[in-house]
Amino acid sequence: ADAFDAVTAGDEDRTRSSLDRAREILEEGLGANPHSRDAAVGLGIVFFYRSYYVDGRGYPHAIEFLTRILEADPYAVDAARSLANAYA
């Protein structure tokens, strides 16, 4: 929620910081449970939003990560949605 508040406020530094913190939390969760769909999808979504709002150079990484999620779990609908947005 903080990242979206930061986006609305036009605060790129706070957006970056919030998304980086979310990435750290999700990476820890995925490290603790490598089979967690929620952590993997959440991390992919963070990669997408960081590319969209902060640094467009991250799209290839977001696309690759989200694609791997869908290859392993084709029913990960939120990953598919973010992947489609990343390609758009």
N, C-alpha and C. Protein backbone atom coordinates (compact mmCIF):
# COMPACT_ATOMS: atom_id res chain seq x y z
N ALA A 1 0.83 -1.19 0.00
CA ALA A 1 0.00 0.00 0.00
C ALA A 1 0.88 1.25 0.00
N ASP A 2 1.98 1.20 0.72
CA ASP A 2 2.85 2.37 0.78
C ASP A 2 3.39 2.75 -0.59
N ALA A 3 3.72 1.73 -1.40
CA ALA A 3 4.26 2.01 -2.73
C ALA A 3 3.24 2.77 -3.58
N PHE A 4 1.98 2.38 -3.49
CA PHE A 4 0.97 3.06 -4.30
C PHE A 4 0.69 4.46 -3.79
N ASP A 5 0.77 4.64 -2.47
CA ASP A 5 0.65 6.00 -1.92
C ASP A 5 1.80 6.86 -2.42
N ALA A 6 3.00 6.27 -2.46
CA ALA A 6 4.17 7.00 -2.93
C ALA A 6 4.04 7.35 -4.41
N VAL A 7 3.50 6.43 -5.19
CA VAL A 7 3.28 6.69 -6.62
C VAL A 7 2.31 7.86 -6.78
N THR A 8 1.22 7.80 -6.03
CA THR A 8 0.21 8.86 -6.10
C THR A 8 0.81 10.21 -5.72
N ALA A 9 1.70 10.19 -4.74
CA ALA A 9 2.35 11.42 -4.30
C ALA A 9 3.48 11.86 -5.23
N GLY A 10 3.84 10.99 -6.19
CA GLY A 10 4.92 11.32 -7.11
C GLY A 10 6.30 11.19 -6.47
N ASP A 11 6.40 10.41 -5.41
CA ASP A 11 7.66 10.25 -4.67
C ASP A 11 8.38 8.99 -5.15
N GLU A 12 9.24 9.16 -6.16
CA GLU A 12 9.92 8.00 -6.76
C GLU A 12 10.85 7.30 -5.77
N ASP A 13 11.53 8.06 -4.93
CA ASP A 13 12.44 7.45 -3.95
C ASP A 13 11.67 6.56 -2.98
N ARG A 14 10.55 7.05 -2.48
CA ARG A 14 9.74 6.25 -1.56
C ARG A 14 9.13 5.05 -2.27
N THR A 15 8.73 5.22 -3.53
CA THR A 15 8.21 4.10 -4.30
C THR A 15 9.27 3.02 -4.43
N ARG A 16 10.47 3.41 -4.81
CA ARG A 16 11.58 2.47 -4.96
C ARG A 16 11.86 1.76 -3.63
N SER A 17 11.94 2.52 -2.57
CA SER A 17 12.24 1.96 -1.25
C SER A 17 11.17 0.98 -0.81
N SER A 18 9.92 1.32 -1.01
CA SER A 18 8.82 0.45 -0.61
C SER A 18 8.81 -0.85 -1.42
N LEU A 19 9.01 -0.72 -2.72
CA LEU A 19 9.04 -1.92 -3.56
C LEU A 19 10.27 -2.78 -3.25
N ASP A 20 11.39 -2.16 -2.95
CA ASP A 20 12.59 -2.93 -2.58
C ASP A 20 12.37 -3.68 -1.28
N ARG A 21 11.68 -3.06 -0.33
CA ARG A 21 11.38 -3.74 0.94
C ARG A 21 10.43 -4.90 0.70
N ALA A 22 9.44 -4.71 -0.14
CA ALA A 22 8.52 -5.80 -0.47
C ALA A 22 9.28 -6.94 -1.13
N ARG A 23 10.23 -6.61 -2.01
CA ARG A 23 11.05 -7.64 -2.66
C ARG A 23 11.81 -8.44 -1.63
N GLU A 24 12.43 -7.75 -0.67
CA GLU A 24 13.19 -8.44 0.37
C GLU A 24 12.32 -9.39 1.17
N ILE A 25 11.15 -8.94 1.55
CA ILE A 25 10.23 -9.77 2.34
C ILE A 25 9.81 -11.00 1.54
N LEU A 26 9.46 -10.80 0.28
CA LEU A 26 9.02 -11.92 -0.56
C LEU A 26 10.16 -12.88 -0.87
N GLU A 27 11.36 -12.37 -1.06
CA GLU A 27 12.51 -13.25 -1.28
C GLU A 27 12.78 -14.10 -0.04
N GLU A 28 12.64 -13.51 1.15
CA GLU A 28 12.80 -14.28 2.38
C GLU A 28 11.74 -15.37 2.46
N GLY A 29 10.51 -15.02 2.13
CA GLY A 29 9.42 -16.00 2.15
C GLY A 29 9.65 -17.11 1.15
N LEU A 30 10.12 -16.77 -0.01
CA LEU A 30 10.38 -17.78 -1.04
C LEU A 30 11.56 -18.65 -0.66
N GLY A 31 12.55 -18.05 0.02
CA GLY A 31 13.68 -18.83 0.50
C GLY A 31 13.26 -19.83 1.56
N ALA A 32 12.33 -19.43 2.42
CA ALA A 32 11.84 -20.32 3.47
C ALA A 32 10.93 -21.40 2.90
N ASN A 33 10.19 -21.06 1.84
CA ASN A 33 9.28 -22.03 1.22
C ASN A 33 9.35 -21.85 -0.30
N PRO A 34 10.28 -22.55 -0.95
CA PRO A 34 10.47 -22.38 -2.39
C PRO A 34 9.26 -22.77 -3.24
N HIS A 35 8.28 -23.42 -2.64
CA HIS A 35 7.09 -23.85 -3.39
C HIS A 35 5.90 -22.92 -3.16
N SER A 36 6.14 -21.79 -2.53
CA SER A 36 5.06 -20.85 -2.24
C SER A 36 4.64 -20.10 -3.49
N ARG A 37 3.43 -20.41 -3.95
CA ARG A 37 2.90 -19.70 -5.11
C ARG A 37 2.74 -18.22 -4.80
N ASP A 38 2.21 -17.91 -3.62
CA ASP A 38 1.96 -16.51 -3.26
C ASP A 38 3.24 -15.69 -3.23
N ALA A 39 4.30 -16.25 -2.65
CA ALA A 39 5.57 -15.50 -2.59
C ALA A 39 6.15 -15.31 -3.98
N ALA A 40 6.10 -16.35 -4.80
CA ALA A 40 6.66 -16.26 -6.15
C ALA A 40 5.88 -15.25 -7.00
N VAL A 41 4.57 -15.35 -6.97
CA VAL A 41 3.75 -14.42 -7.76
C VAL A 41 3.92 -13.00 -7.23
N GLY A 42 3.91 -12.85 -5.93
CA GLY A 42 4.10 -11.52 -5.35
C GLY A 42 5.42 -10.91 -5.77
N LEU A 43 6.47 -11.70 -5.77
CA LEU A 43 7.78 -11.22 -6.18
C LEU A 43 7.77 -10.81 -7.66
N GLY A 44 7.15 -11.61 -8.49
CA GLY A 44 7.04 -11.26 -9.90
C GLY A 44 6.28 -9.96 -10.11
N ILE A 45 5.23 -9.77 -9.32
CA ILE A 45 4.45 -8.54 -9.41
C ILE A 45 5.28 -7.34 -8.95
N VAL A 46 6.07 -7.53 -7.91
CA VAL A 46 6.96 -6.45 -7.46
C VAL A 46 7.96 -6.10 -8.56
N PHE A 47 8.53 -7.11 -9.22
CA PHE A 47 9.46 -6.84 -10.32
C PHE A 47 8.76 -6.02 -11.42
N PHE A 48 7.51 -6.40 -11.73
CA PHE A 48 6.78 -5.66 -12.75
C PHE A 48 6.55 -4.21 -12.33
N TYR A 49 6.02 -4.00 -11.11
CA TYR A 49 5.72 -2.64 -10.67
C TYR A 49 6.99 -1.79 -10.54
N ARG A 50 8.08 -2.39 -10.14
CA ARG A 50 9.33 -1.62 -10.05
C ARG A 50 9.74 -1.17 -11.46
N SER A 51 9.56 -2.05 -12.43
CA SER A 51 9.87 -1.68 -13.81
C SER A 51 8.93 -0.58 -14.30
N TYR A 52 7.67 -0.71 -14.00
CA TYR A 52 6.66 0.23 -14.47
C TYR A 52 6.82 1.62 -13.83
N TYR A 53 7.02 1.64 -12.52
CA TYR A 53 7.02 2.91 -11.80
C TYR A 53 8.40 3.52 -11.57
N VAL A 54 9.46 2.70 -11.59
CA VAL A 54 10.77 3.21 -11.19
C VAL A 54 11.79 3.11 -12.31
N ASP A 55 11.99 1.92 -12.85
CA ASP A 55 13.10 1.70 -13.78
C ASP A 55 12.68 0.74 -14.89
N GLY A 56 12.36 1.28 -16.04
CA GLY A 56 11.90 0.47 -17.16
C GLY A 56 12.89 -0.55 -17.67
N ARG A 57 14.14 -0.44 -17.24
CA ARG A 57 15.14 -1.42 -17.68
C ARG A 57 14.92 -2.79 -17.03
N GLY A 58 14.03 -2.86 -16.02
CA GLY A 58 13.79 -4.12 -15.33
C GLY A 58 12.77 -5.02 -15.99
N TYR A 59 12.14 -4.55 -17.07
CA TYR A 59 11.11 -5.37 -17.72
C TYR A 59 11.60 -6.75 -18.15
N PRO A 60 12.76 -6.89 -18.77
CA PRO A 60 13.19 -8.24 -19.17
C PRO A 60 13.27 -9.21 -17.99
N HIS A 61 13.76 -8.73 -16.86
CA HIS A 61 13.84 -9.59 -15.67
C HIS A 61 12.43 -9.96 -15.18
N ALA A 62 11.54 -8.98 -15.13
CA ALA A 62 10.16 -9.24 -14.70
C ALA A 62 9.49 -10.24 -15.63
N ILE A 63 9.67 -10.06 -16.93
CA ILE A 63 9.07 -10.97 -17.91
C ILE A 63 9.62 -12.38 -17.76
N GLU A 64 10.92 -12.49 -17.60
CA GLU A 64 11.54 -13.82 -17.43
C GLU A 64 11.02 -14.50 -16.16
N PHE A 65 10.98 -13.76 -15.06
CA PHE A 65 10.55 -14.33 -13.79
C PHE A 65 9.09 -14.76 -13.86
N LEU A 66 8.23 -13.90 -14.37
CA LEU A 66 6.80 -14.22 -14.47
C LEU A 66 6.56 -15.38 -15.43
N THR A 67 7.34 -15.47 -16.49
CA THR A 67 7.22 -16.58 -17.44
C THR A 67 7.57 -17.90 -16.76
N ARG A 68 8.63 -17.91 -15.95
CA ARG A 68 9.00 -19.13 -15.23
C ARG A 68 7.91 -19.56 -14.26
N ILE A 69 7.27 -18.59 -13.62
CA ILE A 69 6.16 -18.92 -12.72
C ILE A 69 5.06 -19.62 -13.50
N LEU A 70 4.70 -19.05 -14.64
CA LEU A 70 3.60 -19.63 -15.43
C LEU A 70 3.97 -20.97 -16.04
N GLU A 71 5.23 -21.18 -16.34
CA GLU A 71 5.64 -22.49 -16.83
C GLU A 71 5.47 -23.55 -15.75
N ALA A 72 5.72 -23.17 -14.51
CA ALA A 72 5.59 -24.11 -13.39
C ALA A 72 4.14 -24.21 -12.91
N ASP A 73 3.38 -23.13 -13.05
CA ASP A 73 2.01 -23.08 -12.53
C ASP A 73 1.14 -22.26 -13.47
N PRO A 74 0.58 -22.90 -14.50
CA PRO A 74 -0.20 -22.15 -15.49
C PRO A 74 -1.48 -21.53 -14.94
N TYR A 75 -1.85 -21.87 -13.71
CA TYR A 75 -3.06 -21.32 -13.10
C TYR A 75 -2.77 -20.11 -12.20
N ALA A 76 -1.56 -19.62 -12.23
CA ALA A 76 -1.18 -18.44 -11.45
C ALA A 76 -1.68 -17.20 -12.19
N VAL A 77 -2.96 -16.91 -12.03
CA VAL A 77 -3.64 -15.88 -12.81
C VAL A 77 -3.02 -14.49 -12.62
N ASP A 78 -2.65 -14.15 -11.40
CA ASP A 78 -2.06 -12.82 -11.17
C ASP A 78 -0.71 -12.68 -11.87
N ALA A 79 0.04 -13.78 -11.97
CA ALA A 79 1.30 -13.75 -12.70
C ALA A 79 1.03 -13.52 -14.18
N ALA A 80 0.01 -14.18 -14.70
CA ALA A 80 -0.34 -14.02 -16.12
C ALA A 80 -0.76 -12.58 -16.41
N ARG A 81 -1.52 -12.01 -15.50
CA ARG A 81 -1.98 -10.63 -15.68
C ARG A 81 -0.79 -9.66 -15.69
N SER A 82 0.13 -9.84 -14.75
CA SER A 82 1.29 -8.96 -14.69
C SER A 82 2.21 -9.18 -15.89
N LEU A 83 2.31 -10.42 -16.35
CA LEU A 83 3.12 -10.69 -17.54
C LEU A 83 2.54 -10.00 -18.76
N ALA A 84 1.23 -10.06 -18.91
CA ALA A 84 0.58 -9.38 -20.04
C ALA A 84 0.82 -7.87 -19.95
N ASN A 85 0.73 -7.33 -18.76
CA ASN A 85 0.99 -5.89 -18.58
C ASN A 85 2.44 -5.54 -18.89
N ALA A 86 3.36 -6.41 -18.52
CA ALA A 86 4.77 -6.15 -18.78
C ALA A 86 5.03 -6.13 -20.29
N TYR A 87 4.37 -7.01 -21.03
CA TYR A 87 4.54 -7.00 -22.48
C TYR A 87 3.89 -5.79 -23.11
N ALA A 88 2.80 -5.31 -22.51
CA ALA A 88 2.10 -4.15 -23.06
C ALA A 88 2.96 -2.92 -22.91
